[in-house]
């Protein structure tokens, strides 16, 4: 069997839009970034966690997703084709257990 466990804290928030990298932000520095133009999402990094503070998409799923901070966690806004992912944490608490 294979058991995937939680990843460790991440180092970067990587934002892609339409499959291309839009921006890369350190998770340890508080920041606010507007992703997009006419269709927009507001990325908020605060206290080592990233979230979508607001967006002008119809379903608001990205806003309701909450904050992410661990490597591999994502927030997705399908209407705006935006993916926000935590990467590069280095050490993990548990990567995988095979047996």
PDB file of N, CA and C in Angstrom:
ATOM      1  N   UNK A   1       0.830  -1.176   0.000  1.00  0.00           N
ATOM      2  CA  UNK A   1       0.000   0.000   0.000  1.00  0.00           C
ATOM      3  C   UNK A   1       0.877   1.243   0.000  1.00  0.00           C
ATOM      4  N   UNK A   2       0.287   2.366  -0.311  1.00  0.00           N
ATOM      5  CA  UNK A   2       1.002   3.640  -0.322  1.00  0.00           C
ATOM      6  C   UNK A   2       0.176   4.644   0.451  1.00  0.00           C
ATOM      7  N   UNK A   3       0.792   5.270   1.434  1.00  0.00           N
ATOM      8  CA  UNK A   3       0.110   6.266   2.254  1.00  0.00           C
ATOM      9  C   UNK A   3       0.825   7.593   2.068  1.00  0.00           C
ATOM     10  N   UNK A   4       0.116   8.555   1.548  1.00  0.00           N
ATOM     11  CA  UNK A   4       0.694   9.881   1.394  1.00  0.00           C
ATOM     12  C   UNK A   4       0.316  10.716   2.600  1.00  0.00           C
ATOM     13  N   UNK A   5       1.306  11.340   3.185  1.00  0.00           N
ATOM     14  CA  UNK A   5       1.057  12.127   4.381  1.00  0.00           C
ATOM     15  C   UNK A   5       1.150  13.611   4.105  1.00  0.00           C
ATOM     16  N   UNK A   6       1.021  14.395   5.135  1.00  0.00           N
ATOM     17  CA  UNK A   6       1.084  15.843   4.969  1.00  0.00           C
ATOM     18  C   UNK A   6       2.485  16.288   4.588  1.00  0.00           C
ATOM     19  N   UNK A   7       2.556  17.300   3.794  1.00  0.00           N
ATOM     20  CA  UNK A   7       3.832  17.869   3.406  1.00  0.00           C
ATOM     21  C   UNK A   7       4.221  18.918   4.435  1.00  0.00           C
ATOM     22  N   UNK A   8       5.483  19.324   4.395  1.00  0.00           N
ATOM     23  CA  UNK A   8       5.970  20.337   5.322  1.00  0.00           C
ATOM     24  C   UNK A   8       5.594  21.734   4.863  1.00  0.00           C
ATOM     25  N   UNK A   9       5.962  22.728   5.661  1.00  0.00           N
ATOM     26  CA  UNK A   9       5.666  24.109   5.297  1.00  0.00           C
ATOM     27  C   UNK A   9       6.314  24.482   3.971  1.00  0.00           C
ATOM     28  N   UNK A  10       5.618  25.267   3.180  1.00  0.00           N
ATOM     29  CA  UNK A  10       6.136  25.684   1.893  1.00  0.00           C
ATOM     30  C   UNK A  10       6.979  26.935   1.995  1.00  0.00           C
ATOM     31  N   UNK A  11       7.663  27.273   0.898  1.00  0.00           N
ATOM     32  CA  UNK A  11       8.514  28.450   0.848  1.00  0.00           C
ATOM     33  C   UNK A  11       8.003  29.489  -0.139  1.00  0.00           C
ATOM     34  N   UNK A  12       7.294  29.034  -1.183  1.00  0.00           N
ATOM     35  CA  UNK A  12       6.858  29.917  -2.266  1.00  0.00           C
ATOM     36  C   UNK A  12       5.387  29.719  -2.580  1.00  0.00           C
ATOM     37  N   UNK A  13       4.752  30.780  -3.013  1.00  0.00           N
ATOM     38  CA  UNK A  13       3.417  30.698  -3.582  1.00  0.00           C
ATOM     39  C   UNK A  13       3.604  30.951  -5.074  1.00  0.00           C
ATOM     40  N   UNK A  14       3.250  29.969  -5.891  1.00  0.00           N
ATOM     41  CA  UNK A  14       3.404  30.085  -7.336  1.00  0.00           C
ATOM     42  C   UNK A  14       2.018  30.210  -7.950  1.00  0.00           C
ATOM     43  N   UNK A  15       1.831  31.256  -8.749  1.00  0.00           N
ATOM     44  CA  UNK A  15       0.545  31.542  -9.375  1.00  0.00           C
ATOM     45  C   UNK A  15       0.674  31.294 -10.872  1.00  0.00           C
ATOM     46  N   UNK A  16      -0.224  30.466 -11.415  1.00  0.00           N
ATOM     47  CA  UNK A  16      -0.289  30.283 -12.867  1.00  0.00           C
ATOM     48  C   UNK A  16      -1.656  30.722 -13.353  1.00  0.00           C
ATOM     49  N   UNK A  17      -1.663  31.273 -14.551  1.00  0.00           N
ATOM     50  CA  UNK A  17      -2.911  31.687 -15.195  1.00  0.00           C
ATOM     51  C   UNK A  17      -2.844  31.216 -16.631  1.00  0.00           C
ATOM     52  N   UNK A  18      -3.881  30.531 -17.079  1.00  0.00           N
ATOM     53  CA  UNK A  18      -3.894  29.932 -18.422  1.00  0.00           C
ATOM     54  C   UNK A  18      -2.681  29.032 -18.630  1.00  0.00           C
ATOM     55  N   UNK A  19      -2.209  28.374 -17.565  1.00  0.00           N
ATOM     56  CA  UNK A  19      -1.105  27.431 -17.658  1.00  0.00           C
ATOM     57  C   UNK A  19       0.280  28.047 -17.643  1.00  0.00           C
ATOM     58  N   UNK A  20       0.392  29.372 -17.639  1.00  0.00           N
ATOM     59  CA  UNK A  20       1.694  30.042 -17.628  1.00  0.00           C
ATOM     60  C   UNK A  20       1.912  30.693 -16.269  1.00  0.00           C
ATOM     61  N   UNK A  21       3.159  30.699 -15.812  1.00  0.00           N
ATOM     62  CA  UNK A  21       3.447  31.303 -14.518  1.00  0.00           C
ATOM     63  C   UNK A  21       3.169  32.806 -14.559  1.00  0.00           C
ATOM     64  N   UNK A  22       2.372  33.256 -13.617  1.00  0.00           N
ATOM     65  CA  UNK A  22       1.991  34.674 -13.506  1.00  0.00           C
ATOM     66  C   UNK A  22       2.891  35.379 -12.492  1.00  0.00           C
ATOM     67  N   UNK A  23       3.212  34.667 -11.402  1.00  0.00           N
ATOM     68  CA  UNK A  23       4.038  35.258 -10.360  1.00  0.00           C
ATOM     69  C   UNK A  23       4.479  34.226  -9.355  1.00  0.00           C
ATOM     70  N   UNK A  24       5.529  34.590  -8.617  1.00  0.00           N
ATOM     71  CA  UNK A  24       6.094  33.715  -7.582  1.00  0.00           C
ATOM     72  C   UNK A  24       6.412  34.620  -6.397  1.00  0.00           C
ATOM     73  N   UNK A  25       5.875  34.262  -5.234  1.00  0.00           N
ATOM     74  CA  UNK A  25       5.978  35.131  -4.066  1.00  0.00           C
ATOM     75  C   UNK A  25       6.489  34.328  -2.868  1.00  0.00           C
ATOM     76  N   UNK A  26       7.418  34.894  -2.081  1.00  0.00           N
ATOM     77  CA  UNK A  26       7.869  34.184  -0.875  1.00  0.00           C
ATOM     78  C   UNK A  26       6.748  34.126   0.156  1.00  0.00           C
ATOM     79  N   UNK A  27       6.570  32.968   0.728  1.00  0.00           N
ATOM     80  CA  UNK A  27       5.492  32.760   1.692  1.00  0.00           C
ATOM     81  C   UNK A  27       5.805  33.411   3.040  1.00  0.00           C
ATOM     82  N   UNK A  28       7.063  33.736   3.273  1.00  0.00           N
ATOM     83  CA  UNK A  28       7.440  34.332   4.563  1.00  0.00           C
ATOM     84  C   UNK A  28       7.414  35.857   4.546  1.00  0.00           C
ATOM     85  N   UNK A  29       6.902  36.468   3.473  1.00  0.00           N
ATOM     86  CA  UNK A  29       6.783  37.924   3.401  1.00  0.00           C
ATOM     87  C   UNK A  29       5.332  38.294   3.106  1.00  0.00           C
ATOM     88  N   UNK A  30       4.735  39.076   3.987  1.00  0.00           N
ATOM     89  CA  UNK A  30       3.358  39.511   3.779  1.00  0.00           C
ATOM     90  C   UNK A  30       3.263  40.350   2.508  1.00  0.00           C
ATOM     91  N   UNK A  31       2.261  40.089   1.695  1.00  0.00           N
ATOM     92  CA  UNK A  31       2.103  40.810   0.427  1.00  0.00           C
ATOM     93  C   UNK A  31       0.666  40.671  -0.058  1.00  0.00           C
ATOM     94  N   UNK A  32       0.291  41.574  -0.948  1.00  0.00           N
ATOM     95  CA  UNK A  32      -0.991  41.514  -1.638  1.00  0.00           C
ATOM     96  C   UNK A  32      -0.697  41.696  -3.117  1.00  0.00           C
ATOM     97  N   UNK A  33      -1.286  40.846  -3.958  1.00  0.00           N
ATOM     98  CA  UNK A  33      -1.067  40.928  -5.403  1.00  0.00           C
ATOM     99  C   UNK A  33      -2.386  40.728  -6.127  1.00  0.00           C
ATOM    100  N   UNK A  34      -2.623  41.546  -7.146  1.00  0.00           N
ATOM    101  CA  UNK A  34      -3.800  41.389  -7.990  1.00  0.00           C
ATOM    102  C   UNK A  34      -3.397  40.549  -9.187  1.00  0.00           C
ATOM    103  N   UNK A  35      -4.093  39.437  -9.368  1.00  0.00           N
ATOM    104  CA  UNK A  35      -3.830  38.519 -10.472  1.00  0.00           C
ATOM    105  C   UNK A  35      -4.866  38.792 -11.546  1.00  0.00           C
ATOM    106  N   UNK A  36      -4.411  39.129 -12.746  1.00  0.00           N
ATOM    107  CA  UNK A  36      -5.333  39.350 -13.851  1.00  0.00           C
ATOM    108  C   UNK A  36      -5.570  40.813 -14.130  1.00  0.00           C
ATOM    109  N   UNK A  37      -6.596  41.064 -14.903  1.00  0.00           N
ATOM    110  CA  UNK A  37      -6.966  42.412 -15.292  1.00  0.00           C
ATOM    111  C   UNK A  37      -8.462  42.578 -15.148  1.00  0.00           C
ATOM    112  N   UNK A  38      -9.181  42.361 -16.243  1.00  0.00           N
ATOM    113  CA  UNK A  38     -10.646  42.433 -16.203  1.00  0.00           C
ATOM    114  C   UNK A  38     -11.229  41.329 -15.323  1.00  0.00           C
ATOM    115  N   UNK A  39     -10.645  40.144 -15.419  1.00  0.00           N
ATOM    116  CA  UNK A  39     -10.982  39.038 -14.513  1.00  0.00           C
ATOM    117  C   UNK A  39      -9.868  38.984 -13.483  1.00  0.00           C
ATOM    118  N   UNK A  40     -10.177  39.244 -12.207  1.00  0.00           N
ATOM    119  CA  UNK A  40      -9.112  39.359 -11.222  1.00  0.00           C
ATOM    120  C   UNK A  40      -9.381  38.567  -9.946  1.00  0.00           C
ATOM    121  N   UNK A  41      -8.263  38.222  -9.314  1.00  0.00           N
ATOM    122  CA  UNK A  41      -8.251  37.584  -8.001  1.00  0.00           C
ATOM    123  C   UNK A  41      -7.224  38.352  -7.177  1.00  0.00           C
ATOM    124  N   UNK A  42      -7.512  38.572  -5.902  1.00  0.00           N
ATOM    125  CA  UNK A  42      -6.572  39.252  -5.019  1.00  0.00           C
ATOM    126  C   UNK A  42      -5.922  38.204  -4.121  1.00  0.00           C
ATOM    127  N   UNK A  43      -4.621  37.992  -4.320  1.00  0.00           N
ATOM    128  CA  UNK A  43      -3.841  37.062  -3.505  1.00  0.00           C
ATOM    129  C   UNK A  43      -3.349  37.802  -2.277  1.00  0.00           C
ATOM    130  N   UNK A  44      -3.586  37.214  -1.119  1.00  0.00           N
ATOM    131  CA  UNK A  44      -3.135  37.802   0.149  1.00  0.00           C
ATOM    132  C   UNK A  44      -2.190  36.814   0.817  1.00  0.00           C
ATOM    133  N   UNK A  45      -0.974  37.261   1.126  1.00  0.00           N
ATOM    134  CA  UNK A  45      -0.022  36.446   1.880  1.00  0.00           C
ATOM    135  C   UNK A  45       0.163  37.144   3.217  1.00  0.00           C
ATOM    136  N   UNK A  46      -0.133  36.401   4.288  1.00  0.00           N
ATOM    137  CA  UNK A  46      -0.086  36.998   5.611  1.00  0.00           C
ATOM    138  C   UNK A  46       0.246  35.915   6.635  1.00  0.00           C
ATOM    139  N   UNK A  47       1.275  36.150   7.429  1.00  0.00           N
ATOM    140  CA  UNK A  47       1.626  35.214   8.493  1.00  0.00           C
ATOM    141  C   UNK A  47       2.006  33.838   7.998  1.00  0.00           C
ATOM    142  N   UNK A  48       2.617  33.752   6.812  1.00  0.00           N
ATOM    143  CA  UNK A  48       3.039  32.464   6.273  1.00  0.00           C
ATOM    144  C   UNK A  48       1.939  31.667   5.603  1.00  0.00           C
ATOM    145  N   UNK A  49       0.787  32.301   5.364  1.00  0.00           N
ATOM    146  CA  UNK A  49      -0.330  31.627   4.701  1.00  0.00           C
ATOM    147  C   UNK A  49      -0.805  32.466   3.521  1.00  0.00           C
ATOM    148  N   UNK A  50      -1.257  31.795   2.472  1.00  0.00           N
ATOM    149  CA  UNK A  50      -1.763  32.471   1.280  1.00  0.00           C
ATOM    150  C   UNK A  50      -3.238  32.158   1.100  1.00  0.00           C
ATOM    151  N   UNK A  51      -3.985  33.174   0.674  1.00  0.00           N
ATOM    152  CA  UNK A  51      -5.406  32.984   0.408  1.00  0.00           C
ATOM    153  C   UNK A  51      -5.842  33.954  -0.677  1.00  0.00           C
ATOM    154  N   UNK A  52      -7.028  33.704  -1.225  1.00  0.00           N
ATOM    155  CA  UNK A  52      -7.633  34.648  -2.156  1.00  0.00           C
ATOM    156  C   UNK A  52      -8.598  35.493  -1.328  1.00  0.00           C
ATOM    157  N   UNK A  53      -8.258  36.773  -1.164  1.00  0.00           N
ATOM    158  CA  UNK A  53      -9.050  37.680  -0.328  1.00  0.00           C
ATOM    159  C   UNK A  53     -10.337  38.088  -1.023  1.00  0.00           C
ATOM    160  N   UNK A  54     -10.265  38.319  -2.332  1.00  0.00           N
ATOM    161  CA  UNK A  54     -11.454  38.648  -3.118  1.00  0.00           C
ATOM    162  C   UNK A  54     -11.216  38.314  -4.572  1.00  0.00           C
ATOM    163  N   UNK A  55     -12.316  38.199  -5.308  1.00  0.00           N
ATOM    164  CA  UNK A  55     -12.262  37.885  -6.731  1.00  0.00           C
ATOM    165  C   UNK A  55     -13.579  38.306  -7.361  1.00  0.00           C
ATOM    166  N   UNK A  56     -13.544  38.574  -8.666  1.00  0.00           N
ATOM    167  CA  UNK A  56     -14.796  38.950  -9.335  1.00  0.00           C
ATOM    168  C   UNK A  56     -15.365  37.800 -10.170  1.00  0.00           C
ATOM    169  N   UNK A  57     -15.042  36.561  -9.774  1.00  0.00           N
ATOM    170  CA  UNK A  57     -15.637  35.396 -10.421  1.00  0.00           C
ATOM    171  C   UNK A  57     -17.020  35.145  -9.824  1.00  0.00           C
ATOM    172  N   UNK A  58     -17.828  34.393 -10.526  1.00  0.00           N
ATOM    173  CA  UNK A  58     -19.197  34.167 -10.093  1.00  0.00           C
ATOM    174  C   UNK A  58     -19.351  33.248  -8.909  1.00  0.00           C
ATOM    175  N   UNK A  59     -18.560  32.176  -8.832  1.00  0.00           N
ATOM    176  CA  UNK A  59     -18.820  31.166  -7.805  1.00  0.00           C
ATOM    177  C   UNK A  59     -18.090  31.402  -6.477  1.00  0.00           C
ATOM    178  N   UNK A  60     -17.031  32.199  -6.454  1.00  0.00           N
ATOM    179  CA  UNK A  60     -16.290  32.541  -5.234  1.00  0.00           C
ATOM    180  C   UNK A  60     -15.685  31.326  -4.522  1.00  0.00           C
ATOM    181  N   UNK A  61     -15.538  30.206  -5.214  1.00  0.00           N
ATOM    182  CA  UNK A  61     -14.942  29.013  -4.603  1.00  0.00           C
ATOM    183  C   UNK A  61     -13.515  29.296  -4.151  1.00  0.00           C
ATOM    184  N   UNK A  62     -12.779  30.060  -4.938  1.00  0.00           N
ATOM    185  CA  UNK A  62     -11.392  30.378  -4.589  1.00  0.00           C
ATOM    186  C   UNK A  62     -11.322  31.180  -3.288  1.00  0.00           C
ATOM    187  N   UNK A  63     -12.244  32.078  -3.077  1.00  0.00           N
ATOM    188  CA  UNK A  63     -12.273  32.888  -1.854  1.00  0.00           C
ATOM    189  C   UNK A  63     -12.638  32.014  -0.655  1.00  0.00           C
ATOM    190  N   UNK A  64     -13.587  31.114  -0.839  1.00  0.00           N
ATOM    191  CA  UNK A  64     -14.037  30.239   0.249  1.00  0.00           C
ATOM    192  C   UNK A  64     -13.062  29.102   0.543  1.00  0.00           C
ATOM    193  N   UNK A  65     -12.047  28.922  -0.304  1.00  0.00           N
ATOM    194  CA  UNK A  65     -11.082  27.828  -0.105  1.00  0.00           C
ATOM    195  C   UNK A  65     -10.260  27.976   1.162  1.00  0.00           C
ATOM    196  N   UNK A  66     -10.127  29.181   1.674  1.00  0.00           N
ATOM    197  CA  UNK A  66      -9.332  29.396   2.880  1.00  0.00           C
ATOM    198  C   UNK A  66      -7.854  29.548   2.565  1.00  0.00           C
ATOM    199  N   UNK A  67      -7.050  29.523   3.623  1.00  0.00           N
ATOM    200  CA  UNK A  67      -5.616  29.767   3.492  1.00  0.00           C
ATOM    201  C   UNK A  67      -4.846  28.464   3.304  1.00  0.00           C
ATOM    202  N   UNK A  68      -3.741  28.561   2.556  1.00  0.00           N
ATOM    203  CA  UNK A  68      -2.856  27.422   2.344  1.00  0.00           C
ATOM    204  C   UNK A  68      -1.444  27.818   2.770  1.00  0.00           C
ATOM    205  N   UNK A  69      -0.671  26.821   3.241  1.00  0.00           N
ATOM    206  CA  UNK A  69       0.693  27.104   3.691  1.00  0.00           C
ATOM    207  C   UNK A  69       1.637  25.924   3.531  1.00  0.00           C
ATOM    208  N   UNK A  70       1.104  24.751   3.251  1.00  0.00           N
ATOM    209  CA  UNK A  70       1.935  23.543   3.178  1.00  0.00           C
ATOM    210  C   UNK A  70       2.202  23.163   1.728  1.00  0.00           C
ATOM    211  N   UNK A  71       3.388  22.658   1.500  1.00  0.00           N
ATOM    212  CA  UNK A  71       3.819  22.292   0.154  1.00  0.00           C
ATOM    213  C   UNK A  71       2.802  21.361  -0.509  1.00  0.00           C
ATOM    214  N   UNK A  72       2.406  21.710  -1.733  1.00  0.00           N
ATOM    215  CA  UNK A  72       1.461  20.900  -2.487  1.00  0.00           C
ATOM    216  C   UNK A  72       0.019  21.362  -2.382  1.00  0.00           C
ATOM    217  N   UNK A  73      -0.306  22.205  -1.420  1.00  0.00           N
ATOM    218  CA  UNK A  73      -1.675  22.708  -1.308  1.00  0.00           C
ATOM    219  C   UNK A  73      -1.963  23.703  -2.434  1.00  0.00           C
ATOM    220  N   UNK A  74      -3.215  23.728  -2.883  1.00  0.00           N
ATOM    221  CA  UNK A  74      -3.583  24.612  -3.991  1.00  0.00           C
ATOM    222  C   UNK A  74      -4.919  25.299  -3.735  1.00  0.00           C
ATOM    223  N   UNK A  75      -5.078  26.430  -4.402  1.00  0.00           N
ATOM    224  CA  UNK A  75      -6.362  27.116  -4.533  1.00  0.00           C
ATOM    225  C   UNK A  75      -6.570  27.275  -6.033  1.00  0.00           C
ATOM    226  N   UNK A  76      -7.755  26.946  -6.512  1.00  0.00           N
ATOM    227  CA  UNK A  76      -8.043  27.010  -7.943  1.00  0.00           C
ATOM    228  C   UNK A  76      -9.247  27.923  -8.179  1.00  0.00           C
ATOM    229  N   UNK A  77      -9.135  28.781  -9.181  1.00  0.00           N
ATOM    230  CA  UNK A  77     -10.261  29.577  -9.659  1.00  0.00           C
ATOM    231  C   UNK A  77     -10.506  29.151 -11.104  1.00  0.00           C
ATOM    232  N   UNK A  78     -11.440  28.245 -11.280  1.00  0.00           N
ATOM    233  CA  UNK A  78     -11.721  27.741 -12.630  1.00  0.00           C
ATOM    234  C   UNK A  78     -12.225  28.819 -13.582  1.00  0.00           C
ATOM    235  N   UNK A  79     -13.135  29.706 -13.162  1.00  0.00           N
ATOM    236  CA  UNK A  79     -13.610  30.720 -14.108  1.00  0.00           C
ATOM    237  C   UNK A  79     -12.493  31.605 -14.666  1.00  0.00           C
ATOM    238  N   UNK A  80     -11.471  31.888 -13.842  1.00  0.00           N
ATOM    239  CA  UNK A  80     -10.369  32.752 -14.291  1.00  0.00           C
ATOM    240  C   UNK A  80      -9.134  31.966 -14.714  1.00  0.00           C
ATOM    241  N   UNK A  81      -9.197  30.637 -14.647  1.00  0.00           N
ATOM    242  CA  UNK A  81      -8.098  29.770 -15.043  1.00  0.00           C
ATOM    243  C   UNK A  81      -6.819  30.061 -14.255  1.00  0.00           C
ATOM    244  N   UNK A  82      -6.992  30.231 -12.931  1.00  0.00           N
ATOM    245  CA  UNK A  82      -5.890  30.564 -12.031  1.00  0.00           C
ATOM    246  C   UNK A  82      -5.665  29.405 -11.061  1.00  0.00           C
ATOM    247  N   UNK A  83      -4.392  29.037 -10.880  1.00  0.00           N
ATOM    248  CA  UNK A  83      -4.008  28.037  -9.887  1.00  0.00           C
ATOM    249  C   UNK A  83      -2.948  28.666  -8.987  1.00  0.00           C
ATOM    250  N   UNK A  84      -3.176  28.601  -7.690  1.00  0.00           N
ATOM    251  CA  UNK A  84      -2.235  29.113  -6.698  1.00  0.00           C
ATOM    252  C   UNK A  84      -1.745  27.896  -5.919  1.00  0.00           C
ATOM    253  N   UNK A  85      -0.417  27.683  -5.913  1.00  0.00           N
ATOM    254  CA  UNK A  85       0.142  26.461  -5.335  1.00  0.00           C
ATOM    255  C   UNK A  85       1.313  26.805  -4.430  1.00  0.00           C
ATOM    256  N   UNK A  86       1.404  26.107  -3.293  1.00  0.00           N
ATOM    257  CA  UNK A  86       2.540  26.259  -2.396  1.00  0.00           C
ATOM    258  C   UNK A  86       3.610  25.256  -2.810  1.00  0.00           C
ATOM    259  N   UNK A  87       4.838  25.747  -2.976  1.00  0.00           N
ATOM    260  CA  UNK A  87       5.954  24.897  -3.416  1.00  0.00           C
ATOM    261  C   UNK A  87       7.199  25.154  -2.580  1.00  0.00           C
ATOM    262  N   UNK A  88       8.164  24.249  -2.736  1.00  0.00           N
ATOM    263  CA  UNK A  88       9.530  24.457  -2.276  1.00  0.00           C
ATOM    264  C   UNK A  88       9.783  24.541  -0.803  1.00  0.00           C
ATOM    265  N   UNK A  89       9.129  23.696  -0.027  1.00  0.00           N
ATOM    266  CA  UNK A  89       9.348  23.743   1.414  1.00  0.00           C
ATOM    267  C   UNK A  89      10.572  22.995   1.894  1.00  0.00           C
ATOM    268  N   UNK A  90      11.144  22.157   1.057  1.00  0.00           N
ATOM    269  CA  UNK A  90      12.326  21.398   1.476  1.00  0.00           C
ATOM    270  C   UNK A  90      11.927  20.199   2.304  1.00  0.00           C
ATOM    271  N   UNK A  91      12.273  20.211   3.594  1.00  0.00           N
ATOM    272  CA  UNK A  91      11.973  19.094   4.491  1.00  0.00           C
ATOM    273  C   UNK A  91      10.464  18.890   4.616  1.00  0.00           C
ATOM    274  N   UNK A  92      10.046  17.649   4.623  1.00  0.00           N
ATOM    275  CA  UNK A  92       8.637  17.332   4.811  1.00  0.00           C
ATOM    276  C   UNK A  92       8.464  16.547   6.094  1.00  0.00           C
ATOM    277  N   UNK A  93       7.295  16.659   6.686  1.00  0.00           N
ATOM    278  CA  UNK A  93       6.998  15.892   7.880  1.00  0.00           C
ATOM    279  C   UNK A  93       6.920  14.412   7.548  1.00  0.00           C
ATOM    280  N   UNK A  94       6.244  14.099   6.460  1.00  0.00           N
ATOM    281  CA  UNK A  94       6.101  12.733   5.990  1.00  0.00           C
ATOM    282  C   UNK A  94       5.821  12.805   4.500  1.00  0.00           C
ATOM    283  N   UNK A  95       6.655  12.169   3.705  1.00  0.00           N
ATOM    284  CA  UNK A  95       6.478  12.229   2.266  1.00  0.00           C
ATOM    285  C   UNK A  95       5.612  11.067   1.804  1.00  0.00           C
ATOM    286  N   UNK A  96       6.035   9.843   2.096  1.00  0.00           N
ATOM    287  CA  UNK A  96       5.275   8.674   1.718  1.00  0.00           C
ATOM    288  C   UNK A  96       5.711   7.493   2.573  1.00  0.00           C
ATOM    289  N   UNK A  97       4.799   6.564   2.714  1.00  0.00           N
ATOM    290  CA  UNK A  97       5.085   5.329   3.433  1.00  0.00           C
ATOM    291  C   UNK A  97       4.632   4.185   2.549  1.00  0.00           C
ATOM    292  N   UNK A  98       5.547   3.322   2.196  1.00  0.00           N
ATOM    293  CA  UNK A  98       5.195   2.187   1.353  1.00  0.00           C
ATOM    294  C   UNK A  98       5.437   0.911   2.148  1.00  0.00           C
ATOM    295  N   UNK A  99       4.555  -0.063   1.937  1.00  0.00           N
ATOM    296  CA  UNK A  99       4.764  -1.285   2.699  1.00  0.00           C
ATOM    297  C   UNK A  99       4.032  -2.442   2.110  1.00  0.00           C
TER     298      UNK A  99
END
